[in-house]
Amino acid sequence: MEILLNTTRRVEGGWETGLLWKKDNPPMPDSRKTAERRLKTIEGKLKADPVFAQTYLEKIQEYRDKGFARPVTLAEKQLTERLWYLPHFHAVNPKKPNKVRLVFDAKAQTLT
């Protein structure tokens, strides 16, 4: 409750709060291998289907343009040992085959 009360603030018509950890600095498993494995799968699909690749890359650019995503700088990576690589994949509605939705898989199991 203390974290919620101390970190919650109004930002651009919405709300932002700190991460509500049960304990300070919980250990985080290395998620990089899992994310890289997912990325290789996506890259294979992009190479196999140029139309899908264009649609997918446009969606990534849309997220960047809206400020939802951005590259992380080396300096930012060096600020903390606590890194989490969030794997993603795509979903397509059969009724809208030209529209790609990105799904960020926060529940992905990490490899040990």
PDB file of N, CA and C in Angstrom:
ATOM      1  N   MET A   1       0.826  -1.183   0.000  1.00  0.00           N
ATOM      2  CA  MET A   1       0.000   0.000   0.000  1.00  0.00           C
ATOM      3  C   MET A   1       0.876   1.254   0.000  1.00  0.00           C
ATOM      4  N   GLU A   2       2.001   1.153   0.690  1.00  0.00           N
ATOM      5  CA  GLU A   2       2.921   2.292   0.752  1.00  0.00           C
ATOM      6  C   GLU A   2       3.449   2.644  -0.640  1.00  0.00           C
ATOM      7  N   ILE A   3       3.824   1.634  -1.410  1.00  0.00           N
ATOM      8  CA  ILE A   3       4.319   1.873  -2.772  1.00  0.00           C
ATOM      9  C   ILE A   3       3.229   2.538  -3.603  1.00  0.00           C
ATOM     10  N   LEU A   4       2.028   2.036  -3.507  1.00  0.00           N
ATOM     11  CA  LEU A   4       0.911   2.592  -4.267  1.00  0.00           C
ATOM     12  C   LEU A   4       0.686   4.060  -3.919  1.00  0.00           C
ATOM     13  N   LEU A   5       0.654   4.366  -2.648  1.00  0.00           N
ATOM     14  CA  LEU A   5       0.412   5.740  -2.215  1.00  0.00           C
ATOM     15  C   LEU A   5       1.555   6.685  -2.574  1.00  0.00           C
ATOM     16  N   ASN A   6       2.795   6.199  -2.497  1.00  0.00           N
ATOM     17  CA  ASN A   6       3.959   7.058  -2.731  1.00  0.00           C
ATOM     18  C   ASN A   6       4.315   7.253  -4.198  1.00  0.00           C
ATOM     19  N   THR A   7       3.865   6.351  -5.073  1.00  0.00           N
ATOM     20  CA  THR A   7       4.309   6.438  -6.465  1.00  0.00           C
ATOM     21  C   THR A   7       3.203   6.755  -7.463  1.00  0.00           C
ATOM     22  N   THR A   8       1.973   6.747  -7.065  1.00  0.00           N
ATOM     23  CA  THR A   8       0.871   6.988  -7.999  1.00  0.00           C
ATOM     24  C   THR A   8       0.764   8.474  -8.329  1.00  0.00           C
ATOM     25  N   ARG A   9       0.657   8.743  -9.635  1.00  0.00           N
ATOM     26  CA  ARG A   9       0.543  10.134 -10.075  1.00  0.00           C
ATOM     27  C   ARG A   9      -0.238  10.191 -11.383  1.00  0.00           C
ATOM     28  N   ARG A  10      -0.790  11.347 -11.674  1.00  0.00           N
ATOM     29  CA  ARG A  10      -1.557  11.586 -12.894  1.00  0.00           C
ATOM     30  C   ARG A  10      -0.580  11.960 -14.013  1.00  0.00           C
ATOM     31  N   VAL A  11      -0.700  11.305 -15.163  1.00  0.00           N
ATOM     32  CA  VAL A  11       0.139  11.628 -16.321  1.00  0.00           C
ATOM     33  C   VAL A  11      -0.699  11.591 -17.594  1.00  0.00           C
ATOM     34  N   GLU A  12      -0.691  12.686 -18.319  1.00  0.00           N
ATOM     35  CA  GLU A  12      -1.321  12.785 -19.640  1.00  0.00           C
ATOM     36  C   GLU A  12      -2.686  12.101 -19.720  1.00  0.00           C
ATOM     37  N   GLY A  13      -3.584  12.443 -18.833  1.00  0.00           N
ATOM     38  CA  GLY A  13      -4.938  11.904 -18.885  1.00  0.00           C
ATOM     39  C   GLY A  13      -5.073  10.493 -18.353  1.00  0.00           C
ATOM     40  N   GLY A  14      -4.021   9.947 -17.761  1.00  0.00           N
ATOM     41  CA  GLY A  14      -4.070   8.601 -17.199  1.00  0.00           C
ATOM     42  C   GLY A  14      -3.373   8.569 -15.852  1.00  0.00           C
ATOM     43  N   TRP A  15      -3.107   7.392 -15.389  1.00  0.00           N
ATOM     44  CA  TRP A  15      -2.445   7.220 -14.099  1.00  0.00           C
ATOM     45  C   TRP A  15      -1.211   6.344 -14.260  1.00  0.00           C
ATOM     46  N   GLU A  16      -0.212   6.578 -13.424  1.00  0.00           N
ATOM     47  CA  GLU A  16       1.018   5.797 -13.411  1.00  0.00           C
ATOM     48  C   GLU A  16       1.323   5.453 -11.956  1.00  0.00           C
ATOM     49  N   THR A  17       1.757   4.233 -11.735  1.00  0.00           N
ATOM     50  CA  THR A  17       2.156   3.837 -10.381  1.00  0.00           C
ATOM     51  C   THR A  17       3.388   2.953 -10.456  1.00  0.00           C
ATOM     52  N   GLY A  18       4.127   2.894  -9.383  1.00  0.00           N
ATOM     53  CA  GLY A  18       5.307   2.037  -9.321  1.00  0.00           C
ATOM     54  C   GLY A  18       4.908   0.573  -9.309  1.00  0.00           C
ATOM     55  N   LEU A  19       5.880  -0.293  -9.569  1.00  0.00           N
ATOM     56  CA  LEU A  19       5.613  -1.725  -9.541  1.00  0.00           C
ATOM     57  C   LEU A  19       5.352  -2.163  -8.106  1.00  0.00           C
ATOM     58  N   LEU A  20       4.290  -2.913  -7.937  1.00  0.00           N
ATOM     59  CA  LEU A  20       3.856  -3.297  -6.596  1.00  0.00           C
ATOM     60  C   LEU A  20       4.469  -4.638  -6.189  1.00  0.00           C
ATOM     61  N   TRP A  21       5.755  -4.624  -5.894  1.00  0.00           N
ATOM     62  CA  TRP A  21       6.469  -5.831  -5.480  1.00  0.00           C
ATOM     63  C   TRP A  21       6.081  -6.195  -4.046  1.00  0.00           C
ATOM     64  N   LYS A  22       5.982  -7.488  -3.773  1.00  0.00           N
ATOM     65  CA  LYS A  22       5.737  -7.926  -2.396  1.00  0.00           C
ATOM     66  C   LYS A  22       6.965  -7.667  -1.537  1.00  0.00           C
ATOM     67  N   LYS A  23       8.145  -7.863  -2.125  1.00  0.00           N
ATOM     68  CA  LYS A  23       9.412  -7.634  -1.432  1.00  0.00           C
ATOM     69  C   LYS A  23      10.267  -6.727  -2.301  1.00  0.00           C
ATOM     70  N   ASP A  24      11.155  -5.972  -1.677  1.00  0.00           N
ATOM     71  CA  ASP A  24      12.073  -5.128  -2.441  1.00  0.00           C
ATOM     72  C   ASP A  24      13.050  -5.994  -3.225  1.00  0.00           C
ATOM     73  N   ASN A  25      13.313  -5.590  -4.464  1.00  0.00           N
ATOM     74  CA  ASN A  25      14.285  -6.253  -5.338  1.00  0.00           C
ATOM     75  C   ASN A  25      14.131  -7.766  -5.434  1.00  0.00           C
ATOM     76  N   PRO A  26      12.960  -8.247  -5.859  1.00  0.00           N
ATOM     77  CA  PRO A  26      12.834  -9.693  -6.031  1.00  0.00           C
ATOM     78  C   PRO A  26      13.757 -10.163  -7.154  1.00  0.00           C
ATOM     79  N   PRO A  27      14.286 -11.374  -7.062  1.00  0.00           N
ATOM     80  CA  PRO A  27      15.174 -11.856  -8.129  1.00  0.00           C
ATOM     81  C   PRO A  27      14.393 -12.051  -9.431  1.00  0.00           C
ATOM     82  N   MET A  28      15.031 -11.703 -10.536  1.00  0.00           N
ATOM     83  CA  MET A  28      14.392 -11.873 -11.835  1.00  0.00           C
ATOM     84  C   MET A  28      15.219 -12.853 -12.648  1.00  0.00           C
ATOM     85  N   PRO A  29      14.576 -13.875 -13.199  1.00  0.00           N
ATOM     86  CA  PRO A  29      15.331 -14.827 -14.019  1.00  0.00           C
ATOM     87  C   PRO A  29      15.777 -14.174 -15.324  1.00  0.00           C
ATOM     88  N   ASP A  30      16.776 -14.762 -15.954  1.00  0.00           N
ATOM     89  CA  ASP A  30      17.279 -14.244 -17.225  1.00  0.00           C
ATOM     90  C   ASP A  30      16.264 -14.572 -18.321  1.00  0.00           C
ATOM     91  N   SER A  31      15.630 -13.561 -18.855  1.00  0.00           N
ATOM     92  CA  SER A  31      14.583 -13.756 -19.867  1.00  0.00           C
ATOM     93  C   SER A  31      15.084 -13.548 -21.294  1.00  0.00           C
ATOM     94  N   ARG A  32      16.352 -13.222 -21.439  1.00  0.00           N
ATOM     95  CA  ARG A  32      16.868 -12.898 -22.776  1.00  0.00           C
ATOM     96  C   ARG A  32      16.785 -14.067 -23.750  1.00  0.00           C
ATOM     97  N   LYS A  33      17.162 -15.277 -23.323  1.00  0.00           N
ATOM     98  CA  LYS A  33      17.139 -16.434 -24.231  1.00  0.00           C
ATOM     99  C   LYS A  33      15.737 -16.720 -24.735  1.00  0.00           C
ATOM    100  N   THR A  34      14.764 -16.618 -23.857  1.00  0.00           N
ATOM    101  CA  THR A  34      13.375 -16.845 -24.259  1.00  0.00           C
ATOM    102  C   THR A  34      12.943 -15.813 -25.296  1.00  0.00           C
ATOM    103  N   ALA A  35      13.244 -14.544 -25.036  1.00  0.00           N
ATOM    104  CA  ALA A  35      12.864 -13.480 -25.968  1.00  0.00           C
ATOM    105  C   ALA A  35      13.591 -13.637 -27.311  1.00  0.00           C
ATOM    106  N   GLU A  36      14.855 -14.009 -27.277  1.00  0.00           N
ATOM    107  CA  GLU A  36      15.605 -14.202 -28.523  1.00  0.00           C
ATOM    108  C   GLU A  36      15.037 -15.373 -29.330  1.00  0.00           C
ATOM    109  N   ARG A  37      14.635 -16.443 -28.652  1.00  0.00           N
ATOM    110  CA  ARG A  37      14.050 -17.591 -29.347  1.00  0.00           C
ATOM    111  C   ARG A  37      12.754 -17.172 -30.047  1.00  0.00           C
ATOM    112  N   ARG A  38      11.930 -16.397 -29.359  1.00  0.00           N
ATOM    113  CA  ARG A  38      10.697 -15.901 -29.968  1.00  0.00           C
ATOM    114  C   ARG A  38      11.003 -14.994 -31.153  1.00  0.00           C
ATOM    115  N   LEU A  39      12.012 -14.142 -30.997  1.00  0.00           N
ATOM    116  CA  LEU A  39      12.382 -13.222 -32.065  1.00  0.00           C
ATOM    117  C   LEU A  39      12.830 -13.984 -33.314  1.00  0.00           C
ATOM    118  N   LYS A  40      13.604 -15.039 -33.141  1.00  0.00           N
ATOM    119  CA  LYS A  40      14.051 -15.834 -34.296  1.00  0.00           C
ATOM    120  C   LYS A  40      12.865 -16.449 -35.031  1.00  0.00           C
ATOM    121  N   THR A  41      11.860 -16.886 -34.305  1.00  0.00           N
ATOM    122  CA  THR A  41      10.654 -17.428 -34.922  1.00  0.00           C
ATOM    123  C   THR A  41       9.948 -16.356 -35.747  1.00  0.00           C
ATOM    124  N   ILE A  42       9.806 -15.179 -35.170  1.00  0.00           N
ATOM    125  CA  ILE A  42       9.154 -14.075 -35.881  1.00  0.00           C
ATOM    126  C   ILE A  42       9.971 -13.684 -37.112  1.00  0.00           C
ATOM    127  N   GLU A  43      11.286 -13.605 -36.964  1.00  0.00           N
ATOM    128  CA  GLU A  43      12.142 -13.239 -38.104  1.00  0.00           C
ATOM    129  C   GLU A  43      11.988 -14.230 -39.247  1.00  0.00           C
ATOM    130  N   GLY A  44      11.858 -15.511 -38.947  1.00  0.00           N
ATOM    131  CA  GLY A  44      11.640 -16.524 -39.985  1.00  0.00           C
ATOM    132  C   GLY A  44      10.352 -16.257 -40.756  1.00  0.00           C
ATOM    133  N   LYS A  45       9.294 -15.904 -40.026  1.00  0.00           N
ATOM    134  CA  LYS A  45       8.021 -15.590 -40.676  1.00  0.00           C
ATOM    135  C   LYS A  45       8.116 -14.322 -41.505  1.00  0.00           C
ATOM    136  N   LEU A  46       8.864 -13.346 -41.012  1.00  0.00           N
ATOM    137  CA  LEU A  46       9.035 -12.093 -41.764  1.00  0.00           C
ATOM    138  C   LEU A  46       9.772 -12.335 -43.076  1.00  0.00           C
ATOM    139  N   LYS A  47      10.801 -13.184 -43.034  1.00  0.00           N
ATOM    140  CA  LYS A  47      11.569 -13.490 -44.251  1.00  0.00           C
ATOM    141  C   LYS A  47      10.738 -14.270 -45.256  1.00  0.00           C
ATOM    142  N   ALA A  48       9.846 -15.118 -44.757  1.00  0.00           N
ATOM    143  CA  ALA A  48       9.051 -15.974 -45.636  1.00  0.00           C
ATOM    144  C   ALA A  48       7.892 -15.229 -46.293  1.00  0.00           C
ATOM    145  N   ASP A  49       7.436 -14.143 -45.686  1.00  0.00           N
ATOM    146  CA  ASP A  49       6.247 -13.455 -46.196  1.00  0.00           C
ATOM    147  C   ASP A  49       6.468 -11.941 -46.171  1.00  0.00           C
ATOM    148  N   PRO A  50       6.896 -11.356 -47.291  1.00  0.00           N
ATOM    149  CA  PRO A  50       7.179  -9.922 -47.335  1.00  0.00           C
ATOM    150  C   PRO A  50       5.973  -9.033 -47.003  1.00  0.00           C
ATOM    151  N   VAL A  51       4.768  -9.450 -47.360  1.00  0.00           N
ATOM    152  CA  VAL A  51       3.577  -8.663 -47.049  1.00  0.00           C
ATOM    153  C   VAL A  51       3.359  -8.638 -45.535  1.00  0.00           C
ATOM    154  N   PHE A  52       3.475  -9.806 -44.917  1.00  0.00           N
ATOM    155  CA  PHE A  52       3.356  -9.890 -43.459  1.00  0.00           C
ATOM    156  C   PHE A  52       4.457  -9.065 -42.799  1.00  0.00           C
ATOM    157  N   ALA A  53       5.664  -9.138 -43.334  1.00  0.00           N
ATOM    158  CA  ALA A  53       6.797  -8.387 -42.780  1.00  0.00           C
ATOM    159  C   ALA A  53       6.501  -6.891 -42.792  1.00  0.00           C
ATOM    160  N   GLN A  54       5.968  -6.386 -43.904  1.00  0.00           N
ATOM    161  CA  GLN A  54       5.650  -4.965 -44.006  1.00  0.00           C
ATOM    162  C   GLN A  54       4.590  -4.569 -42.981  1.00  0.00           C
ATOM    163  N   THR A  55       3.558  -5.383 -42.851  1.00  0.00           N
ATOM    164  CA  THR A  55       2.477  -5.111 -41.898  1.00  0.00           C
ATOM    165  C   THR A  55       3.011  -5.127 -40.467  1.00  0.00           C
ATOM    166  N   TYR A  56       3.840  -6.096 -40.164  1.00  0.00           N
ATOM    167  CA  TYR A  56       4.396  -6.241 -38.815  1.00  0.00           C
ATOM    168  C   TYR A  56       5.302  -5.059 -38.467  1.00  0.00           C
ATOM    169  N   LEU A  57       6.174  -4.699 -39.392  1.00  0.00           N
ATOM    170  CA  LEU A  57       7.087  -3.584 -39.148  1.00  0.00           C
ATOM    171  C   LEU A  57       6.336  -2.254 -39.043  1.00  0.00           C
ATOM    172  N   GLU A  58       5.255  -2.105 -39.785  1.00  0.00           N
ATOM    173  CA  GLU A  58       4.432  -0.896 -39.667  1.00  0.00           C
ATOM    174  C   GLU A  58       3.803  -0.811 -38.273  1.00  0.00           C
ATOM    175  N   LYS A  59       3.391  -1.954 -37.734  1.00  0.00           N
ATOM    176  CA  LYS A  59       2.799  -1.974 -36.395  1.00  0.00           C
ATOM    177  C   LYS A  59       3.850  -1.600 -35.345  1.00  0.00           C
ATOM    178  N   ILE A  60       5.055  -2.117 -35.482  1.00  0.00           N
ATOM    179  CA  ILE A  60       6.143  -1.755 -34.567  1.00  0.00           C
ATOM    180  C   ILE A  60       6.410  -0.250 -34.656  1.00  0.00           C
ATOM    181  N   GLN A  61       6.464   0.285 -35.881  1.00  0.00           N
ATOM    182  CA  GLN A  61       6.705   1.724 -36.067  1.00  0.00           C
ATOM    183  C   GLN A  61       5.571   2.546 -35.470  1.00  0.00           C
ATOM    184  N   GLU A  62       4.350   2.066 -35.597  1.00  0.00           N
ATOM    185  CA  GLU A  62       3.201   2.762 -34.997  1.00  0.00           C
ATOM    186  C   GLU A  62       3.382   2.866 -33.476  1.00  0.00           C
ATOM    187  N   TYR A  63       3.817   1.779 -32.851  1.00  0.00           N
ATOM    188  CA  TYR A  63       4.049   1.790 -31.403  1.00  0.00           C
ATOM    189  C   TYR A  63       5.152   2.775 -31.043  1.00  0.00           C
ATOM    190  N   ARG A  64       6.181   2.837 -31.860  1.00  0.00           N
ATOM    191  CA  ARG A  64       7.265   3.789 -31.609  1.00  0.00           C
ATOM    192  C   ARG A  64       6.777   5.231 -31.789  1.00  0.00           C
ATOM    193  N   ASP A  65       6.022   5.471 -32.866  1.00  0.00           N
ATOM    194  CA  ASP A  65       5.509   6.820 -33.132  1.00  0.00           C
ATOM    195  C   ASP A  65       4.603   7.315 -32.002  1.00  0.00           C
ATOM    196  N   LYS A  66       3.831   6.418 -31.423  1.00  0.00           N
ATOM    197  CA  LYS A  66       2.923   6.781 -30.337  1.00  0.00           C
ATOM    198  C   LYS A  66       3.624   6.862 -28.976  1.00  0.00           C
ATOM    199  N   GLY A  67       4.881   6.480 -28.953  1.00  0.00           N
ATOM    200  CA  GLY A  67       5.629   6.527 -27.701  1.00  0.00           C
ATOM    201  C   GLY A  67       5.414   5.310 -26.811  1.00  0.00           C
ATOM    202  N   PHE A  68       4.801   4.251 -27.347  1.00  0.00           N
ATOM    203  CA  PHE A  68       4.581   3.035 -26.566  1.00  0.00           C
ATOM    204  C   PHE A  68       5.854   2.206 -26.463  1.00  0.00           C
ATOM    205  N   ALA A  69       6.766   2.381 -27.423  1.00  0.00           N
ATOM    206  CA  ALA A  69       8.009   1.605 -27.456  1.00  0.00           C
ATOM    207  C   ALA A  69       9.127   2.496 -27.968  1.00  0.00           C
ATOM    208  N   ARG A  70      10.322   2.169 -27.550  1.00  0.00           N
ATOM    209  CA  ARG A  70      11.502   2.879 -28.034  1.00  0.00           C
ATOM    210  C   ARG A  70      12.718   1.999 -27.769  1.00  0.00           C
ATOM    211  N   PRO A  71      13.801   2.234 -28.493  1.00  0.00           N
ATOM    212  CA  PRO A  71      15.023   1.489 -28.209  1.00  0.00           C
ATOM    213  C   PRO A  71      15.569   1.876 -26.829  1.00  0.00           C
ATOM    214  N   VAL A  72      16.114   0.924 -26.145  1.00  0.00           N
ATOM    215  CA  VAL A  72      16.751   1.181 -24.858  1.00  0.00           C
ATOM    216  C   VAL A  72      18.223   1.463 -25.127  1.00  0.00           C
ATOM    217  N   THR A  73      18.733   2.522 -24.526  1.00  0.00           N
ATOM    218  CA  THR A  73      20.137   2.880 -24.739  1.00  0.00           C
ATOM    219  C   THR A  73      21.046   2.001 -23.890  1.00  0.00           C
ATOM    220  N   LEU A  74      22.289   1.915 -24.294  1.00  0.00           N
ATOM    221  CA  LEU A  74      23.279   1.166 -23.521  1.00  0.00           C
ATOM    222  C   LEU A  74      23.413   1.748 -22.117  1.00  0.00           C
ATOM    223  N   ALA A  75      23.359   3.069 -22.015  1.00  0.00           N
ATOM    224  CA  ALA A  75      23.457   3.725 -20.705  1.00  0.00           C
ATOM    225  C   ALA A  75      22.307   3.290 -19.795  1.00  0.00           C
ATOM    226  N   GLU A  76      21.104   3.169 -20.354  1.00  0.00           N
ATOM    227  CA  GLU A  76      19.956   2.724 -19.558  1.00  0.00           C
ATOM    228  C   GLU A  76      20.140   1.286 -19.092  1.00  0.00           C
ATOM    229  N   LYS A  77      20.656   0.437 -19.962  1.00  0.00           N
ATOM    230  CA  LYS A  77      20.895  -0.959 -19.590  1.00  0.00           C
ATOM    231  C   LYS A  77      21.899  -1.058 -18.446  1.00  0.00           C
ATOM    232  N   GLN A  78      22.866  -0.150 -18.447  1.00  0.00           N
ATOM    233  CA  GLN A  78      23.917  -0.200 -17.437  1.00  0.00           C
ATOM    234  C   GLN A  78      23.469   0.386 -16.095  1.00  0.00           C
ATOM    235  N   LEU A  79      22.314   1.032 -16.054  1.00  0.00           N
ATOM    236  CA  LEU A  79      21.822   1.627 -14.812  1.00  0.00           C
ATOM    237  C   LEU A  79      21.322   0.584 -13.810  1.00  0.00           C
ATOM    238  N   THR A  80      20.986  -0.592 -14.305  1.00  0.00           N
ATOM    239  CA  THR A  80      20.402  -1.601 -13.424  1.00  0.00           C
ATOM    240  C   THR A  80      20.810  -3.005 -13.832  1.00  0.00           C
ATOM    241  N   GLU A  81      20.790  -3.888 -12.875  1.00  0.00           N
ATOM    242  CA  GLU A  81      20.996  -5.303 -13.172  1.00  0.00           C
ATOM    243  C   GLU A  81      19.659  -5.977 -13.423  1.00  0.00           C
ATOM    244  N   ARG A  82      18.591  -5.284 -13.123  1.00  0.00           N
ATOM    245  CA  ARG A  82      17.234  -5.830 -13.239  1.00  0.00           C
ATOM    246  C   ARG A  82      16.688  -5.562 -14.637  1.00  0.00           C
ATOM    247  N   LEU A  83      16.898  -6.486 -15.536  1.00  0.00           N
ATOM    248  CA  LEU A  83      16.393  -6.371 -16.900  1.00  0.00           C
ATOM    249  C   LEU A  83      15.368  -7.459 -17.154  1.00  0.00           C
ATOM    250  N   TRP A  84      14.359  -7.136 -17.928  1.00  0.00           N
ATOM    251  CA  TRP A  84      13.378  -8.125 -18.329  1.00  0.00           C
ATOM    252  C   TRP A  84      13.088  -7.923 -19.801  1.00  0.00           C
ATOM    253  N   TYR A  85      13.312  -8.966 -20.580  1.00  0.00           N
ATOM    254  CA  TYR A  85      13.035  -8.926 -22.013  1.00  0.00           C
ATOM    255  C   TYR A  85      11.647  -9.515 -22.216  1.00  0.00           C
ATOM    256  N   LEU A  86      10.752  -8.710 -22.746  1.00  0.00           N
ATOM    257  CA  LEU A  86       9.362  -9.108 -22.900  1.00  0.00           C
ATOM    258  C   LEU A  86       9.125  -9.655 -24.307  1.00  0.00           C
ATOM    259  N   PRO A  87       8.951 -10.974 -24.427  1.00  0.00           N
ATOM    260  CA  PRO A  87       8.727 -11.532 -25.761  1.00  0.00           C
ATOM    261  C   PRO A  87       7.349 -11.142 -26.291  1.00  0.00           C
ATOM    262  N   HIS A  88       7.243 -11.125 -27.598  1.00  0.00           N
ATOM    263  CA  HIS A  88       5.957 -10.818 -28.207  1.00  0.00           C
ATOM    264  C   HIS A  88       5.728 -11.721 -29.410  1.00  0.00           C
ATOM    265  N   PHE A  89       4.487 -11.766 -29.837  1.00  0.00           N
ATOM    266  CA  PHE A  89       4.110 -12.499 -31.036  1.00  0.00           C
ATOM    267  C   PHE A  89       2.926 -11.772 -31.651  1.00  0.00           C
ATOM    268  N   HIS A  90       2.451 -12.262 -32.767  1.00  0.00           N
ATOM    269  CA  HIS A  90       1.350 -11.579 -33.436  1.00  0.00           C
ATOM    270  C   HIS A  90       0.073 -12.413 -33.352  1.00  0.00           C
ATOM    271  N   ALA A  91      -1.028 -11.728 -33.497  1.00  0.00           N
ATOM    272  CA  ALA A  91      -2.329 -12.382 -33.600  1.00  0.00           C
ATOM    273  C   ALA A  91      -3.069 -11.713 -34.752  1.00  0.00           C
ATOM    274  N   VAL A  92      -3.775 -12.515 -35.509  1.00  0.00           N
ATOM    275  CA  VAL A  92      -4.526 -11.999 -36.652  1.00  0.00           C
ATOM    276  C   VAL A  92      -5.966 -12.484 -36.537  1.00  0.00           C
ATOM    277  N   ASN A  93      -6.900 -11.572 -36.679  1.00  0.00           N
ATOM    278  CA  ASN A  93      -8.312 -11.915 -36.696  1.00  0.00           C
ATOM    279  C   ASN A  93      -8.633 -12.439 -38.091  1.00  0.00           C
ATOM    280  N   PRO A  94      -9.204 -13.645 -38.207  1.00  0.00           N
ATOM    281  CA  PRO A  94      -9.511 -14.187 -39.549  1.00  0.00           C
ATOM    282  C   PRO A  94     -10.420 -13.285 -40.376  1.00  0.00           C
ATOM    283  N   LYS A  95     -11.224 -12.468 -39.707  1.00  0.00           N
ATOM    284  CA  LYS A  95     -12.119 -11.562 -40.428  1.00  0.00           C
ATOM    285  C   LYS A  95     -11.400 -10.299 -40.901  1.00  0.00           C
ATOM    286  N   LYS A  96     -10.203 -10.060 -40.349  1.00  0.00           N
ATOM    287  CA  LYS A  96      -9.390  -8.894 -40.735  1.00  0.00           C
ATOM    288  C   LYS A  96      -7.951  -9.353 -40.967  1.00  0.00           C
ATOM    289  N   PRO A  97      -7.723 -10.138 -42.009  1.00  0.00           N
ATOM    290  CA  PRO A  97      -6.402 -10.751 -42.204  1.00  0.00           C
ATOM    291  C   PRO A  97      -5.257  -9.776 -42.447  1.00  0.00           C
ATOM    292  N   ASN A  98      -5.544  -8.551 -42.844  1.00  0.00           N
ATOM    293  CA  ASN A  98      -4.472  -7.579 -43.092  1.00  0.00           C
ATOM    294  C   ASN A  98      -4.136  -6.743 -41.870  1.00  0.00           C
ATOM    295  N   LYS A  99      -4.789  -7.030 -40.736  1.00  0.00           N
ATOM    296  CA  LYS A  99      -4.552  -6.263 -39.524  1.00  0.00           C
ATOM    297  C   LYS A  99      -3.842  -7.155 -38.502  1.00  0.00           C
ATOM    298  N   VAL A 100      -2.640  -6.757 -38.120  1.00  0.00           N
ATOM    299  CA  VAL A 100      -1.838  -7.513 -37.163  1.00  0.00           C
ATOM    300  C   VAL A 100      -1.953  -6.865 -35.792  1.00  0.00           C
ATOM    301  N   ARG A 101      -2.135  -7.692 -34.786  1.00  0.00           N
ATOM    302  CA  ARG A 101      -2.140  -7.209 -33.403  1.00  0.00           C
ATOM    303  C   ARG A 101      -0.950  -7.846 -32.704  1.00  0.00           C
ATOM    304  N   LEU A 102      -0.154  -7.038 -32.012  1.00  0.00           N
ATOM    305  CA  LEU A 102       0.978  -7.578 -31.277  1.00  0.00           C
ATOM    306  C   LEU A 102       0.528  -7.976 -29.884  1.00  0.00           C
ATOM    307  N   VAL A 103       0.999  -9.126 -29.431  1.00  0.00           N
ATOM    308  CA  VAL A 103       0.668  -9.636 -28.106  1.00  0.00           C
ATOM    309  C   VAL A 103       1.971  -9.714 -27.319  1.00  0.00           C
ATOM    310  N   PHE A 104       2.028  -8.998 -26.198  1.00  0.00           N
ATOM    311  CA  PHE A 104       3.209  -9.005 -25.347  1.00  0.00           C
ATOM    312  C   PHE A 104       2.992 -10.051 -24.266  1.00  0.00           C
ATOM    313  N   ASP A 105       3.844 -11.071 -24.268  1.00  0.00           N
ATOM    314  CA  ASP A 105       3.645 -12.272 -23.468  1.00  0.00           C
ATOM    315  C   ASP A 105       4.374 -12.181 -22.132  1.00  0.00           C
ATOM    316  N   ALA A 106       3.786 -11.446 -21.200  1.00  0.00           N
ATOM    317  CA  ALA A 106       4.402 -11.264 -19.882  1.00  0.00           C
ATOM    318  C   ALA A 106       4.418 -12.569 -19.081  1.00  0.00           C
ATOM    319  N   LYS A 107       3.631 -13.536 -19.471  1.00  0.00           N
ATOM    320  CA  LYS A 107       3.565 -14.801 -18.746  1.00  0.00           C
ATOM    321  C   LYS A 107       4.516 -15.847 -19.331  1.00  0.00           C
ATOM    322  N   ALA A 108       5.303 -15.484 -20.311  1.00  0.00           N
ATOM    323  CA  ALA A 108       6.215 -16.439 -20.954  1.00  0.00           C
ATOM    324  C   ALA A 108       7.152 -17.068 -19.930  1.00  0.00           C
ATOM    325  N   GLN A 109       7.316 -18.367 -20.021  1.00  0.00           N
ATOM    326  CA  GLN A 109       8.232 -19.081 -19.130  1.00  0.00           C
ATOM    327  C   GLN A 109       9.656 -18.849 -19.601  1.00  0.00           C
ATOM    328  N   THR A 110      10.562 -18.623 -18.667  1.00  0.00           N
ATOM    329  CA  THR A 110      11.964 -18.408 -19.027  1.00  0.00           C
ATOM    330  C   THR A 110      12.716 -19.726 -19.005  1.00  0.00           C
ATOM    331  N   LEU A 111      13.728 -19.806 -19.844  1.00  0.00           N
ATOM    332  CA  LEU A 111      14.587 -20.990 -19.873  1.00  0.00           C
ATOM    333  C   LEU A 111      15.639 -20.861 -18.779  1.00  0.00           C
ATOM    334  N   THR A 112      16.019 -21.962 -18.226  1.00  0.00           N
ATOM    335  CA  THR A 112      17.061 -21.905 -17.188  1.00  0.00           C
ATOM    336  C   THR A 112      18.341 -22.529 -17.670  1.00  0.00           C
TER     337      THR A 112
END
